[in-house]
All heavy atoms as atom14 arrays in JSON, in Angstrom:
{
  "sequence": "VEAVRTPRTVDTGGLLGYRTRVGSFTTSADAAATLATVK",
  "atom14_mask": [
    [1, 1, 1, 1, 1, 1, 1, 0, 0, 0, 0, 0, 0, 0],
    [1, 1, 1, 1, 1, 1, 1, 1, 1, 0, 0, 0, 0, 0],
    [1, 1, 1, 1, 1, 0, 0, 0, 0, 0, 0, 0, 0, 0],
    [1, 1, 1, 1, 1, 1, 1, 0, 0, 0, 0, 0, 0, 0],
    [1, 1, 1, 1, 1, 1, 1, 1, 1, 1, 1, 0, 0, 0],
    [1, 1, 1, 1, 1, 1, 1, 0, 0, 0, 0, 0, 0, 0],
    [1, 1, 1, 1, 1, 1, 1, 0, 0, 0, 0, 0, 0, 0],
    [1, 1, 1, 1, 1, 1, 1, 1, 1, 1, 1, 0, 0, 0],
    [1, 1, 1, 1, 1, 1, 1, 0, 0, 0, 0, 0, 0, 0],
    [1, 1, 1, 1, 1, 1, 1, 0, 0, 0, 0, 0, 0, 0],
    [1, 1, 1, 1, 1, 1, 1, 1, 0, 0, 0, 0, 0, 0],
    [1, 1, 1, 1, 1, 1, 1, 0, 0, 0, 0, 0, 0, 0],
    [1, 1, 1, 1, 0, 0, 0, 0, 0, 0, 0, 0, 0, 0],
    [1, 1, 1, 1, 0, 0, 0, 0, 0, 0, 0, 0, 0, 0],
    [1, 1, 1, 1, 1, 1, 1, 1, 0, 0, 0, 0, 0, 0],
    [1, 1, 1, 1, 1, 1, 1, 1, 0, 0, 0, 0, 0, 0],
    [1, 1, 1, 1, 0, 0, 0, 0, 0, 0, 0, 0, 0, 0],
    [1, 1, 1, 1, 1, 1, 1, 1, 1, 1, 1, 1, 0, 0],
    [1, 1, 1, 1, 1, 1, 1, 1, 1, 1, 1, 0, 0, 0],
    [1, 1, 1, 1, 1, 1, 1, 0, 0, 0, 0, 0, 0, 0],
    [1, 1, 1, 1, 1, 1, 1, 1, 1, 1, 1, 0, 0, 0],
    [1, 1, 1, 1, 1, 1, 1, 0, 0, 0, 0, 0, 0, 0],
    [1, 1, 1, 1, 0, 0, 0, 0, 0, 0, 0, 0, 0, 0],
    [1, 1, 1, 1, 1, 1, 0, 0, 0, 0, 0, 0, 0, 0],
    [1, 1, 1, 1, 1, 1, 1, 1, 1, 1, 1, 0, 0, 0],
    [1, 1, 1, 1, 1, 1, 1, 0, 0, 0, 0, 0, 0, 0],
    [1, 1, 1, 1, 1, 1, 1, 0, 0, 0, 0, 0, 0, 0],
    [1, 1, 1, 1, 1, 1, 0, 0, 0, 0, 0, 0, 0, 0],
    [1, 1, 1, 1, 1, 0, 0, 0, 0, 0, 0, 0, 0, 0],
    [1, 1, 1, 1, 1, 1, 1, 1, 0, 0, 0, 0, 0, 0],
    [1, 1, 1, 1, 1, 0, 0, 0, 0, 0, 0, 0, 0, 0],
    [1, 1, 1, 1, 1, 0, 0, 0, 0, 0, 0, 0, 0, 0],
    [1, 1, 1, 1, 1, 0, 0, 0, 0, 0, 0, 0, 0, 0],
    [1, 1, 1, 1, 1, 1, 1, 0, 0, 0, 0, 0, 0, 0],
    [1, 1, 1, 1, 1, 1, 1, 1, 0, 0, 0, 0, 0, 0],
    [1, 1, 1, 1, 1, 0, 0, 0, 0, 0, 0, 0, 0, 0],
    [1, 1, 1, 1, 1, 1, 1, 0, 0, 0, 0, 0, 0, 0],
    [1, 1, 1, 1, 1, 1, 1, 0, 0, 0, 0, 0, 0, 0],
    [1, 1, 1, 1, 1, 1, 1, 1, 1, 0, 0, 0, 0, 0]
  ],
  "atom14_positions": [
    [[-9.94, -8.27, -10.0], [-8.62, -8.63, -9.86], [-8.27, -9.78, -10.72], [-8.92, -10.83, -10.63], [-8.21, -8.85, -8.42], [-6.76, -9.35, -8.33], [-8.41, -7.67, -7.57], [0.0, 0.0, 0.0], [0.0, 0.0, 0.0], [0.0, 0.0, 0.0], [0.0, 0.0, 0.0], [0.0, 0.0, 0.0], [0.0, 0.0, 0.0], [0.0, 0.0, 0.0]],
    [[-7.25, -9.64, -11.64], [-6.95, -10.65, -12.56], [-5.52, -11.1, -12.39], [-4.56, -10.29, -12.27], [-7.11, -10.17, -14.05], [-8.49, -9.74, -14.36], [-8.68, -8.99, -15.72], [-7.58, -8.65, -16.33], [-9.73, -8.85, -16.16], [0.0, 0.0, 0.0], [0.0, 0.0, 0.0], [0.0, 0.0, 0.0], [0.0, 0.0, 0.0], [0.0, 0.0, 0.0]],
    [[-5.32, -12.45, -12.27], [-3.96, -13.0, -12.29], [-3.38, -12.93, -13.7], [-4.08, -13.13, -14.67], [-3.95, -14.44, -11.88], [0.0, 0.0, 0.0], [0.0, 0.0, 0.0], [0.0, 0.0, 0.0], [0.0, 0.0, 0.0], [0.0, 0.0, 0.0], [0.0, 0.0, 0.0], [0.0, 0.0, 0.0], [0.0, 0.0, 0.0], [0.0, 0.0, 0.0]],
    [[-2.19, -12.46, -13.85], [-1.53, -12.34, -15.09], [-0.42, -13.3, -15.31], [0.57, -13.26, -14.53], [-1.01, -10.83, -15.32], [-0.29, -10.7, -16.64], [-2.13, -9.79, -15.14], [0.0, 0.0, 0.0], [0.0, 0.0, 0.0], [0.0, 0.0, 0.0], [0.0, 0.0, 0.0], [0.0, 0.0, 0.0], [0.0, 0.0, 0.0], [0.0, 0.0, 0.0]],
    [[-0.63, -14.23, -16.16], [0.43, -15.23, -16.46], [0.98, -14.96, -17.85], [0.25, -14.77, -18.82], [-0.16, -16.65, -16.36], [-0.53, -17.0, -14.94], [-1.1, -18.39, -14.78], [-1.28, -18.72, -13.43], [-2.3, -18.35, -12.64], [-3.26, -17.54, -13.14], [-2.36, -18.7, -11.35], [0.0, 0.0, 0.0], [0.0, 0.0, 0.0], [0.0, 0.0, 0.0]],
    [[2.28, -15.05, -17.97], [2.94, -14.69, -19.24], [3.35, -15.87, -20.06], [3.71, -16.91, -19.34], [4.19, -13.77, -19.02], [4.57, -13.13, -20.22], [5.34, -14.47, -18.41], [0.0, 0.0, 0.0], [0.0, 0.0, 0.0], [0.0, 0.0, 0.0], [0.0, 0.0, 0.0], [0.0, 0.0, 0.0], [0.0, 0.0, 0.0], [0.0, 0.0, 0.0]],
    [[3.18, -15.86, -21.34], [3.63, -17.03, -22.1], [5.1, -17.44, -21.88], [5.97, -16.65, -21.59], [3.46, -16.62, -23.56], [2.4, -15.49, -23.45], [2.73, -14.85, -22.18], [0.0, 0.0, 0.0], [0.0, 0.0, 0.0], [0.0, 0.0, 0.0], [0.0, 0.0, 0.0], [0.0, 0.0, 0.0], [0.0, 0.0, 0.0], [0.0, 0.0, 0.0]],
    [[5.36, -18.72, -22.06], [6.71, -19.25, -21.87], [7.58, -18.98, -23.04], [7.24, -19.09, -24.22], [6.62, -20.76, -21.61], [8.01, -21.41, -21.27], [7.84, -22.84, -20.86], [9.14, -23.34, -20.43], [9.71, -23.14, -19.33], [9.23, -22.39, -18.4], [10.94, -23.71, -19.1], [0.0, 0.0, 0.0], [0.0, 0.0, 0.0], [0.0, 0.0, 0.0]],
    [[8.83, -18.55, -22.69], [9.87, -18.36, -23.72], [11.01, -19.24, -23.19], [10.9, -20.07, -22.24], [10.36, -16.87, -23.83], [11.03, -16.53, -22.57], [9.2, -15.99, -24.09], [0.0, 0.0, 0.0], [0.0, 0.0, 0.0], [0.0, 0.0, 0.0], [0.0, 0.0, 0.0], [0.0, 0.0, 0.0], [0.0, 0.0, 0.0], [0.0, 0.0, 0.0]],
    [[12.2, -19.14, -23.77], [13.39, -19.85, -23.34], [13.7, -19.68, -21.84], [13.99, -20.55, -21.12], [14.62, -19.6, -24.2], [15.89, -20.11, -23.57], [14.42, -20.14, -25.62], [0.0, 0.0, 0.0], [0.0, 0.0, 0.0], [0.0, 0.0, 0.0], [0.0, 0.0, 0.0], [0.0, 0.0, 0.0], [0.0, 0.0, 0.0], [0.0, 0.0, 0.0]],
    [[13.54, -18.39, -21.39], [13.98, -18.11, -20.09], [13.0, -17.3, -19.28], [13.31, -16.66, -18.21], [15.35, -17.27, -20.18], [15.26, -16.09, -21.07], [14.12, -15.73, -21.45], [16.35, -15.53, -21.4], [0.0, 0.0, 0.0], [0.0, 0.0, 0.0], [0.0, 0.0, 0.0], [0.0, 0.0, 0.0], [0.0, 0.0, 0.0], [0.0, 0.0, 0.0]],
    [[11.73, -17.24, -19.7], [10.69, -16.63, -18.89], [9.39, -17.42, -18.93], [9.24, -18.27, -19.79], [10.39, -15.16, -19.37], [9.97, -15.23, -20.73], [11.62, -14.27, -19.19], [0.0, 0.0, 0.0], [0.0, 0.0, 0.0], [0.0, 0.0, 0.0], [0.0, 0.0, 0.0], [0.0, 0.0, 0.0], [0.0, 0.0, 0.0], [0.0, 0.0, 0.0]],
    [[8.42, -17.12, -18.1], [7.15, -17.74, -18.23], [6.56, -17.95, -16.83], [7.25, -18.17, -15.85], [0.0, 0.0, 0.0], [0.0, 0.0, 0.0], [0.0, 0.0, 0.0], [0.0, 0.0, 0.0], [0.0, 0.0, 0.0], [0.0, 0.0, 0.0], [0.0, 0.0, 0.0], [0.0, 0.0, 0.0], [0.0, 0.0, 0.0], [0.0, 0.0, 0.0]],
    [[5.22, -17.76, -16.69], [4.52, -18.0, -15.47], [3.86, -16.78, -14.93], [3.51, -15.84, -15.66], [0.0, 0.0, 0.0], [0.0, 0.0, 0.0], [0.0, 0.0, 0.0], [0.0, 0.0, 0.0], [0.0, 0.0, 0.0], [0.0, 0.0, 0.0], [0.0, 0.0, 0.0], [0.0, 0.0, 0.0], [0.0, 0.0, 0.0], [0.0, 0.0, 0.0]],
    [[3.62, -16.76, -13.61], [2.78, -15.75, -12.99], [3.61, -14.51, -12.8], [4.68, -14.48, -12.14], [2.31, -16.27, -11.64], [1.47, -15.22, -10.82], [0.11, -15.03, -11.51], [1.23, -15.81, -9.36], [0.0, 0.0, 0.0], [0.0, 0.0, 0.0], [0.0, 0.0, 0.0], [0.0, 0.0, 0.0], [0.0, 0.0, 0.0], [0.0, 0.0, 0.0]],
    [[3.12, -13.39, -13.41], [3.77, -12.06, -13.2], [3.27, -11.41, -11.98], [4.04, -10.73, -11.29], [3.48, -11.21, -14.45], [4.25, -11.36, -15.75], [3.75, -10.44, -16.8], [5.77, -11.13, -15.49], [0.0, 0.0, 0.0], [0.0, 0.0, 0.0], [0.0, 0.0, 0.0], [0.0, 0.0, 0.0], [0.0, 0.0, 0.0], [0.0, 0.0, 0.0]],
    [[2.04, -11.48, -11.75], [1.41, -10.83, -10.54], [-0.12, -10.62, -10.81], [-0.68, -11.39, -11.55], [0.0, 0.0, 0.0], [0.0, 0.0, 0.0], [0.0, 0.0, 0.0], [0.0, 0.0, 0.0], [0.0, 0.0, 0.0], [0.0, 0.0, 0.0], [0.0, 0.0, 0.0], [0.0, 0.0, 0.0], [0.0, 0.0, 0.0], [0.0, 0.0, 0.0]],
    [[-0.62, -9.53, -10.31], [-2.12, -9.3, -10.4], [-2.32, -7.91, -10.85], [-1.59, -6.92, -10.54], [-2.74, -9.54, -9.01], [-2.64, -11.06, -8.61], [-1.42, -11.49, -8.01], [-3.64, -11.91, -8.88], [-1.29, -12.84, -7.67], [-3.55, -13.25, -8.51], [-2.39, -13.73, -8.02], [-2.25, -15.02, -7.62], [0.0, 0.0, 0.0], [0.0, 0.0, 0.0]],
    [[-3.37, -7.69, -11.62], [-3.85, -6.36, -12.05], [-5.27, -6.11, -11.63], [-6.02, -7.07, -11.49], [-3.63, -6.17, -13.62], [-4.53, -7.12, -14.37], [-4.21, -7.07, -15.87], [-5.03, -8.07, -16.57], [-4.6, -8.73, -17.69], [-3.47, -8.5, -18.16], [-5.42, -9.56, -18.27], [0.0, 0.0, 0.0], [0.0, 0.0, 0.0], [0.0, 0.0, 0.0]],
    [[-5.56, -4.8, -11.47], [-6.91, -4.44, -11.16], [-7.51, -3.67, -12.26], [-6.92, -2.65, -12.74], [-6.84, -3.55, -9.8], [-6.23, -4.3, -8.81], [-8.35, -3.24, -9.43], [0.0, 0.0, 0.0], [0.0, 0.0, 0.0], [0.0, 0.0, 0.0], [0.0, 0.0, 0.0], [0.0, 0.0, 0.0], [0.0, 0.0, 0.0], [0.0, 0.0, 0.0]],
    [[-8.67, -4.08, -12.75], [-9.33, -3.42, -13.82], [-10.86, -3.15, -13.49], [-11.39, -3.78, -12.55], [-9.29, -4.29, -15.1], [-7.9, -4.33, -15.76], [-7.87, -5.23, -16.92], [-6.6, -4.94, -17.67], [-6.27, -5.63, -18.75], [-7.06, -6.58, -19.26], [-5.07, -5.37, -19.38], [0.0, 0.0, 0.0], [0.0, 0.0, 0.0], [0.0, 0.0, 0.0]],
    [[-11.38, -2.14, -14.16], [-12.79, -1.75, -13.89], [-13.51, -1.55, -15.17], [-13.05, -0.83, -16.06], [-12.79, -0.4, -13.02], [-14.24, -0.12, -12.7], [-11.89, -0.48, -11.82], [0.0, 0.0, 0.0], [0.0, 0.0, 0.0], [0.0, 0.0, 0.0], [0.0, 0.0, 0.0], [0.0, 0.0, 0.0], [0.0, 0.0, 0.0], [0.0, 0.0, 0.0]],
    [[-14.69, -2.22, -15.3], [-15.56, -1.92, -16.37], [-15.27, -2.6, -17.69], [-14.16, -3.19, -17.9], [0.0, 0.0, 0.0], [0.0, 0.0, 0.0], [0.0, 0.0, 0.0], [0.0, 0.0, 0.0], [0.0, 0.0, 0.0], [0.0, 0.0, 0.0], [0.0, 0.0, 0.0], [0.0, 0.0, 0.0], [0.0, 0.0, 0.0], [0.0, 0.0, 0.0]],
    [[-16.16, -2.4, -18.64], [-16.06, -3.0, -19.99], [-16.8, -2.0, -20.85], [-18.04, -1.79, -20.73], [-16.64, -4.39, -20.12], [-16.61, -4.88, -21.44], [0.0, 0.0, 0.0], [0.0, 0.0, 0.0], [0.0, 0.0, 0.0], [0.0, 0.0, 0.0], [0.0, 0.0, 0.0], [0.0, 0.0, 0.0], [0.0, 0.0, 0.0], [0.0, 0.0, 0.0]],
    [[-16.12, -1.4, -21.87], [-16.64, -0.32, -22.65], [-16.42, -0.5, -24.14], [-15.47, -1.17, -24.54], [-15.96, 1.04, -22.23], [-16.0, 1.24, -20.76], [-14.89, 0.84, -19.94], [-17.07, 1.81, -20.15], [-14.95, 1.1, -18.56], [-17.14, 2.01, -18.79], [-16.08, 1.61, -18.01], [0.0, 0.0, 0.0], [0.0, 0.0, 0.0], [0.0, 0.0, 0.0]],
    [[-17.27, 0.1, -24.96], [-17.24, -0.04, -26.42], [-16.06, 0.76, -26.98], [-15.36, 0.33, -27.88], [-18.52, 0.41, -27.04], [-19.59, -0.43, -26.49], [-18.47, 0.19, -28.55], [0.0, 0.0, 0.0], [0.0, 0.0, 0.0], [0.0, 0.0, 0.0], [0.0, 0.0, 0.0], [0.0, 0.0, 0.0], [0.0, 0.0, 0.0], [0.0, 0.0, 0.0]],
    [[-15.88, 1.99, -26.43], [-14.75, 2.83, -26.83], [-14.04, 3.35, -25.73], [-14.4, 3.3, -24.56], [-15.3, 4.02, -27.71], [-16.0, 4.87, -26.77], [-16.23, 3.58, -28.76], [0.0, 0.0, 0.0], [0.0, 0.0, 0.0], [0.0, 0.0, 0.0], [0.0, 0.0, 0.0], [0.0, 0.0, 0.0], [0.0, 0.0, 0.0], [0.0, 0.0, 0.0]],
    [[-12.8, 3.9, -26.02], [-11.99, 4.46, -24.93], [-12.71, 5.67, -24.3], [-12.58, 5.92, -23.15], [-10.63, 4.8, -25.46], [-10.73, 5.75, -26.53], [0.0, 0.0, 0.0], [0.0, 0.0, 0.0], [0.0, 0.0, 0.0], [0.0, 0.0, 0.0], [0.0, 0.0, 0.0], [0.0, 0.0, 0.0], [0.0, 0.0, 0.0], [0.0, 0.0, 0.0]],
    [[-13.4, 6.39, -25.1], [-14.1, 7.58, -24.66], [-15.17, 7.24, -23.58], [-15.42, 7.94, -22.62], [-14.7, 8.4, -25.75], [0.0, 0.0, 0.0], [0.0, 0.0, 0.0], [0.0, 0.0, 0.0], [0.0, 0.0, 0.0], [0.0, 0.0, 0.0], [0.0, 0.0, 0.0], [0.0, 0.0, 0.0], [0.0, 0.0, 0.0], [0.0, 0.0, 0.0]],
    [[-15.79, 6.01, -23.84], [-16.85, 5.53, -22.88], [-16.29, 5.32, -21.53], [-17.03, 5.25, -20.51], [-17.5, 4.32, -23.45], [-18.27, 4.57, -24.74], [-18.67, 5.68, -25.0], [-18.51, 3.6, -25.51], [0.0, 0.0, 0.0], [0.0, 0.0, 0.0], [0.0, 0.0, 0.0], [0.0, 0.0, 0.0], [0.0, 0.0, 0.0], [0.0, 0.0, 0.0]],
    [[-15.0, 5.07, -21.43], [-14.37, 4.77, -20.09], [-14.0, 5.99, -19.32], [-13.61, 5.9, -18.19], [-13.09, 3.9, -20.34], [0.0, 0.0, 0.0], [0.0, 0.0, 0.0], [0.0, 0.0, 0.0], [0.0, 0.0, 0.0], [0.0, 0.0, 0.0], [0.0, 0.0, 0.0], [0.0, 0.0, 0.0], [0.0, 0.0, 0.0], [0.0, 0.0, 0.0]],
    [[-14.23, 7.24, -19.85], [-13.77, 8.44, -19.25], [-14.34, 8.65, -17.91], [-13.62, 9.05, -16.95], [-14.05, 9.61, -20.21], [0.0, 0.0, 0.0], [0.0, 0.0, 0.0], [0.0, 0.0, 0.0], [0.0, 0.0, 0.0], [0.0, 0.0, 0.0], [0.0, 0.0, 0.0], [0.0, 0.0, 0.0], [0.0, 0.0, 0.0], [0.0, 0.0, 0.0]],
    [[-15.66, 8.48, -17.78], [-16.26, 8.72, -16.47], [-15.72, 7.81, -15.33], [-15.51, 8.24, -14.24], [-17.82, 8.6, -16.64], [0.0, 0.0, 0.0], [0.0, 0.0, 0.0], [0.0, 0.0, 0.0], [0.0, 0.0, 0.0], [0.0, 0.0, 0.0], [0.0, 0.0, 0.0], [0.0, 0.0, 0.0], [0.0, 0.0, 0.0], [0.0, 0.0, 0.0]],
    [[-15.65, 6.53, -15.72], [-15.08, 5.58, -14.75], [-13.62, 5.92, -14.41], [-13.2, 5.85, -13.2], [-15.14, 4.17, -15.32], [-16.48, 3.8, -15.52], [-14.5, 3.1, -14.34], [0.0, 0.0, 0.0], [0.0, 0.0, 0.0], [0.0, 0.0, 0.0], [0.0, 0.0, 0.0], [0.0, 0.0, 0.0], [0.0, 0.0, 0.0], [0.0, 0.0, 0.0]],
    [[-12.77, 6.28, -15.39], [-11.41, 6.68, -15.1], [-11.39, 7.89, -14.21], [-10.59, 7.95, -13.26], [-10.71, 7.01, -16.44], [-9.31, 7.43, -16.29], [-8.42, 6.32, -15.59], [-8.69, 7.69, -17.73], [0.0, 0.0, 0.0], [0.0, 0.0, 0.0], [0.0, 0.0, 0.0], [0.0, 0.0, 0.0], [0.0, 0.0, 0.0], [0.0, 0.0, 0.0]],
    [[-12.24, 8.8, -14.33], [-12.3, 9.93, -13.46], [-12.63, 9.58, -12.05], [-12.02, 10.12, -11.1], [-13.33, 11.02, -13.96], [0.0, 0.0, 0.0], [0.0, 0.0, 0.0], [0.0, 0.0, 0.0], [0.0, 0.0, 0.0], [0.0, 0.0, 0.0], [0.0, 0.0, 0.0], [0.0, 0.0, 0.0], [0.0, 0.0, 0.0], [0.0, 0.0, 0.0]],
    [[-13.51, 8.66, -11.84], [-13.85, 8.15, -10.49], [-12.6, 7.43, -9.9], [-12.39, 7.56, -8.73], [-15.08, 7.22, -10.59], [-16.19, 7.88, -11.21], [-15.43, 6.72, -9.19], [0.0, 0.0, 0.0], [0.0, 0.0, 0.0], [0.0, 0.0, 0.0], [0.0, 0.0, 0.0], [0.0, 0.0, 0.0], [0.0, 0.0, 0.0], [0.0, 0.0, 0.0]],
    [[-11.96, 6.65, -10.72], [-10.77, 6.0, -10.21], [-9.73, 7.01, -9.75], [-9.17, 6.86, -8.63], [-10.18, 5.09, -11.3], [-8.72, 4.64, -10.92], [-10.99, 3.85, -11.65], [0.0, 0.0, 0.0], [0.0, 0.0, 0.0], [0.0, 0.0, 0.0], [0.0, 0.0, 0.0], [0.0, 0.0, 0.0], [0.0, 0.0, 0.0], [0.0, 0.0, 0.0]],
    [[-9.5, 8.1, -10.52], [-8.54, 9.06, -10.1], [-8.98, 9.85, -8.85], [-8.2, 10.24, -8.02], [-8.23, 10.01, -11.27], [-7.56, 9.32, -12.39], [-7.2, 10.27, -13.49], [-6.39, 9.59, -14.63], [-6.09, 10.51, -15.78], [0.0, 0.0, 0.0], [0.0, 0.0, 0.0], [0.0, 0.0, 0.0], [0.0, 0.0, 0.0], [0.0, 0.0, 0.0]]
  ]
}
């Protein structure tokens, strides 16, 4: 789970919320099996 903070502009900036990610892969194709498990 990663906190997502966005860069400051004139009228925005700060914590957007949280995202959930899984794994670290060399190519998008390598992520296919993990994505299938997520679904």
